[in-house]
Amino acid sequence: MSRDEVTRHTQIVAELAAALSNNARLRAELQRARRQFFGEDAVGPADDAAEHRFAEWFLFERESETLGAVPAEVAPYSERARELEDSIVGLFLVEVVGDCVNARDVQSGEVFELDDARTLQVGDLLVGRLYSAAQERWSASAATPALRPGRALADAFVRDLAKLKVDRRLQQIELEHLLLRRRGAAAEAVLPGPPAAPAAPLEHLEADLQQLLERAGDRHQAEVISQQLAVAPRPGAYIGPLLDQLAFDTDVDLDKARRLLLEIWNAHHAGEELGDADAPDEAAGPPGATLGEQLVRTLDEGLNAQRDIDQLFAQLEQMAGIEAEEEDQTDDDAAAALVHRLAEAPTDALSGAGSADAGDLGPLVAEFHWETETAEAAADASALTLWVELQQNAPVPNTILEAIGTQDILRLLLHVYLRSAPGQRAPQVRAAFAELTRFYDWLAVTQEMDLRERLAACQGPLLGQLDRLQDAGVALSNDRTPDRAPGLLQIEELGPDGFGARDDDGDGCWLEASPAALALLEVGDLLLAGTSAPATAAQTSMHRRIAGLVVVLPTDARALIE
């Protein structure tokens, strides 16, 4: 394959990645996928090769929740991706270098003839994707690195896969976490040591963030975000989910938001020093790194420094807590055990990086129920249990308690309000809020996590109007059958015999209502309701009647349900 063809394949992947990035429906999913691939704390851009491998994985392997299939199989992306559809990802050990280069697939044993302009040596281990070319040849992706030396890793890898009885090909993301993952430059600058002094005063940064959020129509308060960043030990766990939420709910400039959030975190933590107890070991990697991350980092650095492979394995075994079971254990057996541990640790980290179960909300709720001796049946039916499920199943999952803000609490209360019987909405929401209050009080006392100010911010939008909203919904509900499906209406005008409202399509109508119902409504209220034709033919098409069950919501609820 000529270098021109390699360049063309690289360009196709880049064009498809750009097209996916420009799809507004995929913005939140792309943010979530980036956290899966690069890790929670990789808030800065990765190097070009890693970004390209991420694009390949997202295009060819990751099942998109939004598109319903792998993006490369979905129109309009499938047409452009057709030339690359026969690609294969894996570990390929270079065994012959001459007029041609032969590389053996570590998993299947199949030999591929490579037409590659790069300088390869026997024993190199290619980790990444191959693309098919003319004359039954293949070429490595421009982003596929060669690990050197790679034979010992390849042999140990094969034996370990056999022991684990893995009967599928490893995906690109698994290979990335096992052998290639490194923290991005921006994360390195933030995590290892004291943050740099801020370029601007904290209050200026907060003002800039507030302006950015207001222009995008977002209801987050920069001051509250700043307070949460002040107590966050690492920026990624908070900034990542927040950016996902902004991407899903607004059209905010995400790059600018990310930069401001990092600068605010730096401003709060400037000058902090690591204590002796917090100082990482020489090979342990950045503070907060998991064992898997530490092992992968040490392996990467050792391979790059061309250290003796046996000495490197011995160091990694010690870090991983792997003990020699027998004196006559071979080096190959030790290597296999190590790769087993390496394969397990990054995979665990992978499942946690983008998983909704990785946060501390669920475990803390379970501990609260246990300590307060909540009966099992009551725990299953509690608002806190429902909250965990909602946070896990949200379009942008977030189960990290310190990253859960007032909007998430309001979504829970709104969910309780909507699922309750019409005459029980107010007491059910108050009961849920009382349970939340007990939980946050318990957090402050037993976990030293005082986050109760987030509950105080919930008082106005929904809790302060519960009785009025419930009674208005009951007063408007009736037994009529709607001829238009229920939708969201917003009240724009109140009159003596009805009110004017507009739906989400911008169409207005005048709805009849009794004086008792009108006394409970306010301009700006939202109605979830169906409608039917007017009572008499003399009325215009603008006149409609409320039909069926009605739910009345405060105007602030729009941000929670859209």
Protein backbone atom coordinates (compact mmCIF):
# COMPACT_ATOMS: atom_id res chain seq x y z
CA MET A 1 0.00 0.00 0.00
CA SER A 2 1.43 3.36 -0.96
CA ARG A 3 1.83 6.17 1.52
CA ASP A 4 -0.84 8.03 -0.45
CA GLU A 5 -3.34 5.27 0.38
CA VAL A 6 -2.41 5.39 4.06
CA THR A 7 -2.97 9.13 3.99
CA ARG A 8 -6.34 8.62 2.30
CA HIS A 9 -7.47 6.14 4.94
CA THR A 10 -6.37 8.52 7.68
CA GLN A 11 -8.28 11.32 5.98
CA ILE A 12 -11.45 9.19 5.71
CA VAL A 13 -11.38 8.45 9.44
CA ALA A 14 -10.78 12.14 10.20
CA GLU A 15 -13.67 13.22 7.96
CA LEU A 16 -16.05 10.71 9.52
CA ALA A 17 -14.96 11.75 13.02
CA ALA A 18 -15.63 15.39 12.14
CA ALA A 19 -19.07 14.52 10.76
CA LEU A 20 -19.96 12.66 13.96
CA SER A 21 -18.71 15.55 16.10
CA ASN A 22 -20.93 17.96 14.17
CA ASN A 23 -24.03 15.84 14.85
CA ALA A 24 -25.77 17.62 17.75
CA ARG A 25 -27.53 14.40 18.76
CA LEU A 26 -24.16 12.73 19.41
CA ARG A 27 -22.50 15.47 21.46
CA ALA A 28 -23.30 14.03 24.88
CA GLU A 29 -22.56 10.47 23.74
CA LEU A 30 -19.17 11.50 22.34
CA GLN A 31 -18.28 13.12 25.66
CA ARG A 32 -19.25 9.94 27.47
CA ALA A 33 -17.29 7.78 25.02
CA ARG A 34 -14.20 9.95 25.47
CA ARG A 35 -14.33 9.29 29.22
CA GLN A 36 -14.56 5.57 28.52
CA PHE A 37 -11.59 5.61 26.17
CA PHE A 38 -9.25 8.12 27.82
CA GLY A 39 -10.37 7.85 31.47
CA GLU A 40 -12.32 10.13 33.78
CA ASP A 41 -9.42 12.49 34.47
CA ALA A 42 -8.28 13.00 30.89
CA VAL A 43 -10.04 16.36 30.54
CA GLY A 44 -7.52 17.80 28.10
CA PRO A 45 -6.95 16.83 24.48
CA ALA A 46 -4.94 13.67 23.82
CA ASP A 47 -2.13 13.43 21.28
CA ASP A 48 -3.10 13.08 17.61
CA ALA A 49 -2.42 9.33 17.46
CA ALA A 50 -4.58 8.59 20.51
CA GLU A 51 -7.36 10.82 19.16
CA HIS A 52 -7.22 8.89 15.88
CA ARG A 53 -7.46 5.54 17.69
CA PHE A 54 -10.45 6.88 19.64
CA ALA A 55 -12.10 7.85 16.36
CA GLU A 56 -11.45 4.38 14.91
CA TRP A 57 -12.97 2.68 17.97
CA PHE A 58 -16.02 4.96 18.01
CA LEU A 59 -16.56 4.48 14.25
CA PHE A 60 -15.98 0.76 13.85
CA GLU A 61 -16.60 -0.94 17.20
CA ARG A 62 -18.69 1.05 19.65
CA GLU A 63 -22.44 0.46 19.50
CA SER A 64 -24.00 3.93 19.51
CA GLU A 65 -27.00 4.37 21.81
CA THR A 66 -28.16 7.32 19.72
CA LEU A 67 -27.76 5.75 16.27
CA GLY A 68 -28.71 2.24 17.34
CA ALA A 69 -25.68 0.59 15.69
CA VAL A 70 -21.98 1.01 15.06
CA PRO A 71 -21.68 4.43 13.33
CA ALA A 72 -19.78 3.02 10.33
CA GLU A 73 -22.83 0.85 9.56
CA VAL A 74 -25.35 3.72 9.66
CA ALA A 75 -26.18 6.13 6.82
CA PRO A 76 -24.85 8.62 5.90
CA TYR A 77 -21.53 7.52 7.46
CA SER A 78 -21.64 3.99 6.02
CA GLU A 79 -21.08 5.12 2.43
CA ARG A 80 -17.82 6.90 3.24
CA ALA A 81 -16.69 4.13 5.61
CA ARG A 82 -17.19 1.34 3.05
CA GLU A 83 -13.56 1.43 1.93
CA LEU A 84 -12.45 0.69 5.50
CA GLU A 85 -15.06 -1.92 6.44
CA ASP A 86 -12.63 -4.88 6.27
CA SER A 87 -10.25 -3.48 8.88
CA ILE A 88 -9.19 -5.62 11.82
CA VAL A 89 -7.89 -4.62 15.24
CA GLY A 90 -5.54 -6.61 17.44
CA LEU A 91 -1.94 -7.37 18.38
CA PHE A 92 0.30 -8.27 15.44
CA LEU A 93 3.83 -9.63 15.98
CA VAL A 94 6.33 -8.85 13.20
CA GLU A 95 8.09 -12.15 12.28
CA VAL A 96 9.62 -11.49 8.85
CA VAL A 97 11.21 -8.29 7.52
CA GLY A 98 12.55 -8.27 3.97
CA ASP A 99 11.00 -7.58 0.60
CA CYS A 100 7.74 -7.81 2.51
CA VAL A 101 6.79 -7.67 6.18
CA ASN A 102 4.87 -10.57 7.72
CA ALA A 103 3.03 -10.04 11.00
CA ARG A 104 1.18 -12.77 12.93
CA ASP A 105 -2.15 -12.02 14.58
CA VAL A 106 -1.48 -12.84 18.24
CA GLN A 107 -5.06 -14.00 18.82
CA SER A 108 -5.94 -15.94 15.66
CA GLY A 109 -2.47 -16.97 14.45
CA GLU A 110 -3.26 -15.66 10.95
CA VAL A 111 -0.30 -14.12 9.10
CA PHE A 112 -0.76 -10.76 7.37
CA GLU A 113 1.54 -9.44 4.68
CA LEU A 114 2.15 -5.77 5.37
CA ASP A 115 2.97 -3.17 2.79
CA ASP A 116 4.31 -0.62 5.21
CA ALA A 117 6.72 2.25 4.58
CA ARG A 118 7.69 2.51 8.22
CA THR A 119 10.85 0.87 9.56
CA LEU A 120 9.86 -2.28 11.40
CA GLN A 121 12.02 -4.91 13.05
CA VAL A 122 11.49 -8.57 13.78
CA GLY A 123 9.90 -8.79 17.24
CA ASP A 124 7.98 -5.53 17.01
CA LEU A 125 4.42 -5.76 18.33
CA LEU A 126 1.85 -3.65 16.46
CA VAL A 127 -1.06 -2.69 18.70
CA GLY A 128 -4.02 -1.33 16.79
CA ARG A 129 -5.81 -1.55 13.46
CA LEU A 130 -4.86 -2.95 10.04
CA TYR A 131 -6.62 -1.92 6.81
CA SER A 132 -6.92 -4.18 3.78
CA ALA A 133 -5.17 -3.17 0.57
CA ALA A 134 -4.77 -4.42 -2.96
CA GLN A 135 -3.15 -7.79 -3.72
CA GLU A 136 -4.18 -9.26 -0.36
CA ARG A 137 -1.86 -6.98 1.55
CA TRP A 138 -2.52 -4.92 4.65
CA SER A 139 -1.30 -1.69 6.12
CA ALA A 140 -1.23 -0.53 9.71
CA SER A 141 -3.20 2.55 10.65
CA ALA A 142 -1.07 5.66 10.93
CA ALA A 143 -2.00 5.68 14.64
CA THR A 144 -0.91 2.08 15.32
CA PRO A 145 2.31 2.07 17.38
CA ALA A 146 4.95 -0.67 17.45
CA LEU A 147 6.06 -1.83 20.92
CA ARG A 148 9.68 -2.90 21.05
CA PRO A 149 10.58 -5.50 22.23
CA GLY A 150 7.24 -7.19 21.81
CA ARG A 151 7.75 -10.94 21.51
CA ALA A 152 7.73 -11.68 25.26
CA LEU A 153 4.54 -9.64 25.68
CA ALA A 154 2.91 -11.38 22.71
CA ASP A 155 3.76 -14.89 23.92
CA ALA A 156 2.60 -14.18 27.47
CA PHE A 157 -0.54 -12.59 26.11
CA VAL A 158 -1.41 -15.70 24.06
CA ARG A 159 -0.93 -18.03 27.03
CA ASP A 160 -2.96 -15.81 29.29
CA LEU A 161 -5.86 -15.61 26.83
CA ALA A 162 -5.87 -19.41 26.68
CA LYS A 163 -5.99 -19.66 30.49
CA LEU A 164 -8.82 -17.15 30.64
CA LYS A 165 -10.65 -18.95 27.81
CA VAL A 166 -11.31 -15.66 26.03
CA ASP A 167 -13.20 -16.63 22.87
CA ARG A 168 -13.58 -13.19 21.31
CA ARG A 169 -11.27 -10.61 19.84
CA LEU A 170 -10.24 -7.83 22.17
CA GLN A 171 -11.57 -4.43 21.18
CA GLN A 172 -9.46 -1.39 20.44
CA ILE A 173 -10.44 0.24 23.74
CA GLU A 174 -9.26 -2.82 25.69
CA LEU A 175 -5.90 -2.78 23.93
CA GLU A 176 -5.66 0.96 24.56
CA HIS A 177 -6.15 0.52 28.30
CA LEU A 178 -3.89 -2.51 28.51
CA LEU A 179 -0.88 -1.30 26.56
CA LEU A 180 -1.21 2.21 25.17
CA ARG A 181 -3.11 4.39 27.60
CA ARG A 182 -1.37 7.51 28.81
CA ARG A 183 -2.80 10.59 30.45
CA GLY A 184 -3.13 13.60 28.18
CA ALA A 185 -0.86 16.59 28.56
CA ALA A 186 -3.52 18.72 30.18
CA ALA A 187 -4.28 16.08 32.79
CA GLU A 188 -0.58 15.66 33.52
CA ALA A 189 -0.24 19.37 34.13
CA VAL A 190 -3.07 19.31 36.65
CA LEU A 191 -2.73 16.03 38.50
CA PRO A 192 0.89 15.28 39.46
CA GLY A 193 1.84 18.37 41.44
CA PRO A 194 0.76 21.77 42.71
CA PRO A 195 -1.40 23.61 40.17
CA ALA A 196 -0.01 26.71 38.57
CA ALA A 197 -1.17 30.10 39.78
CA PRO A 198 -4.26 31.29 37.89
CA ALA A 199 -3.81 33.68 35.01
CA ALA A 200 -6.83 35.70 36.19
CA PRO A 201 -8.45 36.33 39.59
CA LEU A 202 -11.00 33.75 40.67
CA GLU A 203 -13.88 36.23 40.65
CA HIS A 204 -13.10 37.14 37.02
CA LEU A 205 -13.10 33.49 36.01
CA GLU A 206 -16.44 32.94 37.77
CA ALA A 207 -17.91 35.97 36.04
CA ASP A 208 -16.71 34.71 32.64
CA LEU A 209 -18.22 31.29 33.32
CA GLN A 210 -21.52 32.82 34.44
CA GLN A 211 -21.73 34.88 31.23
CA LEU A 212 -20.95 31.79 29.14
CA LEU A 213 -23.68 29.78 30.86
CA GLU A 214 -26.26 32.55 30.62
CA ARG A 215 -25.61 33.06 26.90
CA ALA A 216 -26.26 29.34 26.40
CA GLY A 217 -29.48 29.52 28.42
CA ASP A 218 -28.16 27.20 31.15
CA ARG A 219 -29.38 27.53 34.74
CA HIS A 220 -26.19 26.42 36.49
CA GLN A 221 -24.69 29.06 38.78
CA ALA A 222 -20.96 29.71 38.34
CA GLU A 223 -20.59 30.41 42.06
CA VAL A 224 -22.03 27.00 42.98
CA ILE A 225 -19.85 25.26 40.38
CA SER A 226 -16.83 27.10 41.77
CA GLN A 227 -17.62 25.90 45.30
CA GLN A 228 -17.87 22.34 44.08
CA LEU A 229 -14.56 22.60 42.23
CA ALA A 230 -13.00 23.98 45.41
CA VAL A 231 -13.69 20.71 47.27
CA ALA A 232 -12.99 18.39 44.33
CA PRO A 233 -9.64 16.62 44.88
CA ARG A 234 -9.34 16.02 41.13
CA PRO A 235 -10.99 18.00 38.34
CA GLY A 236 -11.88 15.21 35.94
CA ALA A 237 -14.48 13.42 38.06
CA TYR A 238 -16.52 16.64 38.34
CA ILE A 239 -15.75 18.44 35.07
CA GLY A 240 -16.39 15.42 32.81
CA PRO A 241 -20.04 14.79 33.86
CA LEU A 242 -20.75 18.53 33.95
CA LEU A 243 -19.51 18.99 30.37
CA ASP A 244 -21.63 16.01 29.30
CA GLN A 245 -24.68 17.61 30.87
CA LEU A 246 -23.96 20.94 29.18
CA ALA A 247 -23.46 19.20 25.84
CA PHE A 248 -26.81 17.43 26.21
CA ASP A 249 -28.84 20.40 27.46
CA THR A 250 -27.26 23.42 25.73
CA ASP A 251 -25.19 24.59 22.77
CA VAL A 252 -22.51 26.09 25.02
CA ASP A 253 -18.94 26.39 23.73
CA LEU A 254 -17.59 23.22 25.37
CA ASP A 255 -13.91 24.02 24.73
CA LYS A 256 -14.24 27.40 26.42
CA ALA A 257 -16.27 25.90 29.27
CA ARG A 258 -13.64 23.19 29.81
CA ARG A 259 -10.85 25.80 29.89
CA LEU A 260 -12.69 28.02 32.38
CA LEU A 261 -13.55 25.08 34.65
CA LEU A 262 -9.93 23.96 34.74
CA GLU A 263 -8.75 27.50 35.45
CA ILE A 264 -11.24 27.81 38.31
CA TRP A 265 -10.07 24.49 39.77
CA ASN A 266 -6.46 25.66 39.48
CA ALA A 267 -7.34 28.95 41.15
CA HIS A 268 -8.80 27.14 44.16
CA HIS A 269 -5.93 24.68 44.49
CA ALA A 270 -2.97 26.90 43.60
CA GLY A 271 -0.09 26.45 46.03
CA GLU A 272 -1.28 23.16 47.52
CA GLU A 273 1.50 20.74 48.33
CA LEU A 274 1.32 16.98 48.62
CA GLY A 275 2.00 15.70 52.12
CA ASP A 276 4.39 12.81 52.69
CA ALA A 277 1.48 10.44 53.15
CA ASP A 278 0.09 11.50 49.79
CA ALA A 279 3.34 11.35 47.87
CA PRO A 280 3.15 8.67 45.17
CA ASP A 281 5.74 5.97 44.72
CA GLU A 282 8.28 6.53 41.99
CA ALA A 283 6.45 4.30 39.55
CA ALA A 284 2.98 4.73 40.95
CA GLY A 285 1.88 7.43 38.50
CA PRO A 286 -0.33 10.42 39.27
CA PRO A 287 -2.17 10.65 42.59
CA GLY A 288 -5.41 8.70 42.56
CA ALA A 289 -4.21 6.28 39.88
CA THR A 290 -5.67 2.79 40.15
CA LEU A 291 -3.43 -0.26 40.38
CA GLY A 292 -4.19 -1.02 36.74
CA GLU A 293 -3.16 2.50 35.70
CA GLN A 294 0.06 2.23 37.74
CA LEU A 295 0.93 -1.12 36.15
CA VAL A 296 0.24 0.10 32.64
CA ARG A 297 2.23 3.30 33.21
CA THR A 298 5.23 1.36 34.55
CA LEU A 299 5.03 -1.11 31.67
CA ASP A 300 4.92 1.70 29.12
CA GLU A 301 7.88 3.52 30.65
CA GLY A 302 9.91 0.31 30.94
CA LEU A 303 9.32 -0.65 27.34
CA ASN A 304 10.17 2.83 26.11
CA ALA A 305 13.41 2.74 28.10
CA GLN A 306 14.16 -0.74 26.64
CA ARG A 307 14.63 -2.20 30.12
CA ASP A 308 15.36 -5.90 30.56
CA ILE A 309 11.99 -7.63 30.17
CA ASP A 310 12.56 -10.06 33.07
CA GLN A 311 13.49 -7.26 35.47
CA LEU A 312 10.50 -5.25 34.32
CA PHE A 313 8.15 -8.20 34.90
CA ALA A 314 9.64 -8.74 38.36
CA GLN A 315 8.97 -5.11 39.32
CA LEU A 316 5.42 -5.25 38.01
CA GLU A 317 4.74 -8.54 39.80
CA GLN A 318 5.81 -6.93 43.06
CA MET A 319 3.52 -3.94 42.43
CA ALA A 320 0.62 -6.24 41.58
CA GLY A 321 1.15 -8.47 44.61
CA ILE A 322 1.80 -11.58 42.52
CA GLU A 323 3.78 -14.16 44.49
CA ALA A 324 5.81 -16.97 42.97
CA GLU A 325 3.86 -20.14 43.68
CA GLU A 326 6.71 -22.58 43.09
CA GLU A 327 10.47 -22.24 42.91
CA ASP A 328 10.56 -23.88 39.49
CA GLN A 329 8.01 -21.49 38.05
CA THR A 330 9.23 -20.46 34.61
CA ASP A 331 9.67 -16.91 33.42
CA ASP A 332 6.94 -17.59 30.90
CA ASP A 333 4.51 -18.61 33.65
CA ALA A 334 5.33 -15.47 35.60
CA ALA A 335 4.81 -13.37 32.48
CA ALA A 336 1.48 -15.05 31.85
CA ALA A 337 0.34 -14.38 35.41
CA LEU A 338 1.39 -10.77 35.06
CA VAL A 339 -0.48 -10.24 31.80
CA HIS A 340 -3.52 -11.84 33.47
CA ARG A 341 -3.32 -9.26 36.24
CA LEU A 342 -2.66 -6.47 33.75
CA ALA A 343 -5.62 -7.56 31.66
CA GLU A 344 -7.90 -7.62 34.68
CA ALA A 345 -6.89 -4.29 36.20
CA PRO A 346 -7.29 -2.01 33.16
CA THR A 347 -10.51 -3.77 32.20
CA ASP A 348 -11.91 -3.06 35.64
CA ALA A 349 -10.85 0.55 35.24
CA LEU A 350 -12.42 0.57 31.79
CA SER A 351 -15.76 -0.67 33.03
CA GLY A 352 -15.73 1.97 35.72
CA ALA A 353 -14.59 4.89 33.60
CA GLY A 354 -17.81 5.22 31.68
CA SER A 355 -20.08 3.11 33.81
CA ALA A 356 -22.97 4.55 35.73
CA ASP A 357 -22.16 2.13 38.59
CA ALA A 358 -18.67 3.58 39.13
CA GLY A 359 -19.73 6.45 41.41
CA ASP A 360 -20.29 6.50 45.16
CA LEU A 361 -24.02 7.38 45.21
CA GLY A 362 -25.28 3.79 45.20
CA PRO A 363 -22.90 2.51 47.91
CA LEU A 364 -23.62 5.52 50.13
CA VAL A 365 -27.38 5.08 49.80
CA ALA A 366 -27.02 1.39 50.65
CA GLU A 367 -24.88 2.25 53.69
CA PHE A 368 -27.42 4.88 54.79
CA HIS A 369 -30.25 2.36 54.59
CA TRP A 370 -28.19 -0.16 56.58
CA GLU A 371 -27.14 2.30 59.29
CA THR A 372 -30.66 3.69 59.67
CA GLU A 373 -32.04 0.12 59.78
CA THR A 374 -34.37 0.68 56.84
CA ALA A 375 -36.35 -2.47 56.09
CA GLU A 376 -35.50 -4.14 52.78
CA ALA A 377 -38.96 -3.52 51.31
CA ALA A 378 -38.85 0.13 52.37
CA ALA A 379 -35.36 0.55 50.94
CA ASP A 380 -36.48 -0.82 47.57
CA ALA A 381 -39.38 1.66 47.50
CA SER A 382 -37.45 4.65 48.83
CA ALA A 383 -36.88 7.85 46.90
CA LEU A 384 -33.13 7.39 47.36
CA THR A 385 -33.21 4.01 45.59
CA LEU A 386 -35.20 5.61 42.77
CA TRP A 387 -32.62 8.41 42.66
CA VAL A 388 -29.77 5.95 42.13
CA GLU A 389 -31.67 4.36 39.23
CA LEU A 390 -32.44 7.72 37.64
CA GLN A 391 -28.82 8.86 37.87
CA GLN A 392 -27.61 5.57 36.38
CA ASN A 393 -30.09 5.66 33.49
CA ALA A 394 -29.81 9.37 32.68
CA PRO A 395 -28.69 10.35 29.14
CA VAL A 396 -25.50 11.49 30.84
CA PRO A 397 -25.09 9.07 33.80
CA ASN A 398 -23.71 10.66 36.95
CA THR A 399 -23.41 8.74 40.22
CA ILE A 400 -20.55 10.72 41.76
CA LEU A 401 -22.17 12.41 44.75
CA GLU A 402 -19.98 15.51 44.79
CA ALA A 403 -20.79 16.07 41.11
CA ILE A 404 -24.55 15.76 41.63
CA GLY A 405 -26.08 19.22 41.80
CA THR A 406 -29.40 20.86 42.48
CA GLN A 407 -30.70 20.08 38.97
CA ASP A 408 -30.27 16.34 39.58
CA ILE A 409 -32.16 16.60 42.88
CA LEU A 410 -34.95 18.55 41.21
CA ARG A 411 -35.20 15.91 38.48
CA LEU A 412 -35.77 13.29 41.17
CA LEU A 413 -38.49 15.39 42.84
CA LEU A 414 -40.13 16.07 39.49
CA HIS A 415 -40.07 12.33 38.73
CA VAL A 416 -41.78 11.62 42.07
CA TYR A 417 -44.32 14.38 41.33
CA LEU A 418 -45.19 12.96 37.90
CA ARG A 419 -45.46 9.32 38.99
CA SER A 420 -47.74 10.04 41.97
CA ALA A 421 -51.55 9.94 41.97
CA PRO A 422 -53.07 13.39 41.13
CA GLY A 423 -54.17 14.09 44.70
CA GLN A 424 -50.97 12.74 46.27
CA ARG A 425 -48.33 14.63 44.32
CA ALA A 426 -47.58 17.22 47.01
CA PRO A 427 -47.28 14.82 49.99
CA GLN A 428 -45.21 12.34 47.98
CA VAL A 429 -42.72 15.02 46.93
CA ARG A 430 -42.47 16.33 50.49
CA ALA A 431 -41.81 12.80 51.74
CA ALA A 432 -39.06 12.35 49.14
CA PHE A 433 -37.49 15.66 50.08
CA ALA A 434 -37.61 14.73 53.77
CA GLU A 435 -35.76 11.50 52.93
CA LEU A 436 -33.17 13.45 50.97
CA THR A 437 -32.75 15.81 53.92
CA ARG A 438 -32.09 12.89 56.29
CA PHE A 439 -29.59 11.43 53.82
CA TYR A 440 -27.68 14.72 53.40
CA ASP A 441 -27.67 15.25 57.18
CA TRP A 442 -26.24 11.74 57.59
CA LEU A 443 -23.57 12.51 54.96
CA ALA A 444 -22.51 15.62 56.85
CA VAL A 445 -22.23 13.78 60.19
CA THR A 446 -20.82 10.39 59.20
CA GLN A 447 -19.02 11.03 55.90
CA GLU A 448 -17.84 14.61 56.45
CA MET A 449 -19.55 15.60 53.19
CA ASP A 450 -21.66 18.66 53.90
CA LEU A 451 -23.54 19.26 50.64
CA ARG A 452 -26.80 20.48 52.20
CA GLU A 453 -26.72 23.83 50.42
CA ARG A 454 -27.82 21.98 47.27
CA LEU A 455 -31.07 21.01 48.99
CA ALA A 456 -31.72 24.60 50.05
CA ALA A 457 -31.61 25.66 46.40
CA CYS A 458 -34.56 23.33 45.63
CA GLN A 459 -37.05 25.24 47.76
CA GLY A 460 -38.24 27.78 45.20
CA PRO A 461 -38.80 26.11 41.81
CA LEU A 462 -41.00 23.18 42.87
CA LEU A 463 -41.33 22.75 46.63
CA GLY A 464 -42.62 26.25 47.26
CA GLN A 465 -45.58 25.75 44.90
CA LEU A 466 -46.54 22.12 45.43
CA ASP A 467 -50.07 22.61 46.74
CA ARG A 468 -51.00 25.18 44.08
CA LEU A 469 -49.64 23.01 41.27
CA GLN A 470 -51.34 19.85 42.53
CA ASP A 471 -54.71 21.56 43.03
CA ALA A 472 -54.53 23.25 39.63
CA GLY A 473 -53.93 19.90 37.92
CA VAL A 474 -56.89 18.32 39.72
CA ALA A 475 -59.15 21.29 38.89
CA LEU A 476 -58.30 21.16 35.17
CA SER A 477 -58.54 17.36 34.76
CA ASN A 478 -61.74 15.87 33.31
CA ASP A 479 -63.17 12.81 31.58
CA ARG A 480 -63.11 14.16 28.02
CA THR A 481 -61.23 12.17 25.39
CA PRO A 482 -58.48 14.24 23.70
CA ASP A 483 -58.28 14.37 19.92
CA ARG A 484 -54.71 15.65 20.15
CA ALA A 485 -52.10 13.66 22.01
CA PRO A 486 -50.96 15.15 25.33
CA GLY A 487 -48.11 17.62 24.98
CA LEU A 488 -46.41 20.48 26.77
CA LEU A 489 -48.25 23.82 26.82
CA GLN A 490 -47.07 27.06 28.41
CA ILE A 491 -49.54 29.64 29.72
CA GLU A 492 -49.01 33.09 28.19
CA GLU A 493 -52.20 34.91 29.23
CA LEU A 494 -54.98 34.54 31.79
CA GLY A 495 -58.56 35.73 31.11
CA PRO A 496 -61.93 35.64 32.89
CA ASP A 497 -63.10 32.44 31.16
CA GLY A 498 -59.88 30.75 30.04
CA PHE A 499 -56.22 31.19 29.20
CA GLY A 500 -53.94 31.47 26.21
CA ALA A 501 -51.18 28.87 25.80
CA ARG A 502 -48.54 27.93 23.25
CA ASP A 503 -47.13 24.49 22.45
CA ASP A 504 -43.53 23.56 21.65
CA ASP A 505 -44.16 24.02 17.92
CA GLY A 506 -45.09 27.66 18.52
CA ASP A 507 -48.80 27.17 17.85
CA GLY A 508 -51.11 29.14 20.15
CA CYS A 509 -54.63 28.36 21.34
CA TRP A 510 -57.25 29.60 23.81
CA LEU A 511 -58.37 27.04 26.40
CA GLU A 512 -61.57 27.17 28.45
CA ALA A 513 -61.21 26.87 32.24
CA SER A 514 -63.38 27.35 35.32
CA PRO A 515 -62.83 30.37 37.61
CA ALA A 516 -61.65 27.98 40.36
CA ALA A 517 -58.95 26.55 38.09
CA LEU A 518 -57.94 29.97 36.77
CA ALA A 519 -57.40 31.22 40.32
CA LEU A 520 -54.71 28.57 40.76
CA LEU A 521 -52.81 29.21 37.52
CA GLU A 522 -49.98 31.64 36.83
CA VAL A 523 -48.51 33.00 33.59
CA GLY A 524 -45.52 30.81 32.75
CA ASP A 525 -46.96 27.59 34.17
CA LEU A 526 -46.46 24.46 32.08
CA LEU A 527 -49.26 21.99 31.40
CA LEU A 528 -48.89 18.37 30.34
CA ALA A 529 -52.30 17.93 28.77
CA GLY A 530 -54.29 16.77 25.78
CA THR A 531 -56.93 18.90 24.10
CA SER A 532 -60.15 18.46 22.16
CA ALA A 533 -62.22 20.55 19.73
CA PRO A 534 -64.27 23.53 21.06
CA ALA A 535 -67.74 22.94 22.47
CA THR A 536 -69.56 24.89 19.71
CA ALA A 537 -68.95 25.30 16.00
CA ALA A 538 -69.16 29.09 16.39
CA GLN A 539 -65.81 29.17 18.10
CA THR A 540 -62.66 29.51 15.98
CA SER A 541 -60.03 26.86 15.45
CA MET A 542 -57.92 28.73 18.00
CA HIS A 543 -60.34 27.66 20.72
CA ARG A 544 -59.66 24.28 22.35
CA ARG A 545 -60.75 22.45 25.50
CA ILE A 546 -58.58 20.67 28.03
CA ALA A 547 -59.21 16.91 27.79
CA GLY A 548 -58.15 14.13 30.13
CA LEU A 549 -55.62 14.11 32.95
CA VAL A 550 -53.66 17.36 33.43
CA VAL A 551 -50.34 17.87 35.22
CA VAL A 552 -49.37 21.46 36.06
CA LEU A 553 -45.66 22.27 36.45
CA PRO A 554 -43.69 25.43 37.28
CA THR A 555 -41.96 27.16 34.39
CA ASP A 556 -38.54 26.10 35.72
CA ALA A 557 -39.45 22.48 35.07
CA ARG A 558 -38.85 22.93 31.33
CA ALA A 559 -35.08 22.70 31.82
CA LEU A 560 -35.55 19.41 33.66
CA ILE A 561 -37.71 17.60 31.10
CA GLU A 562 -36.28 18.77 27.78
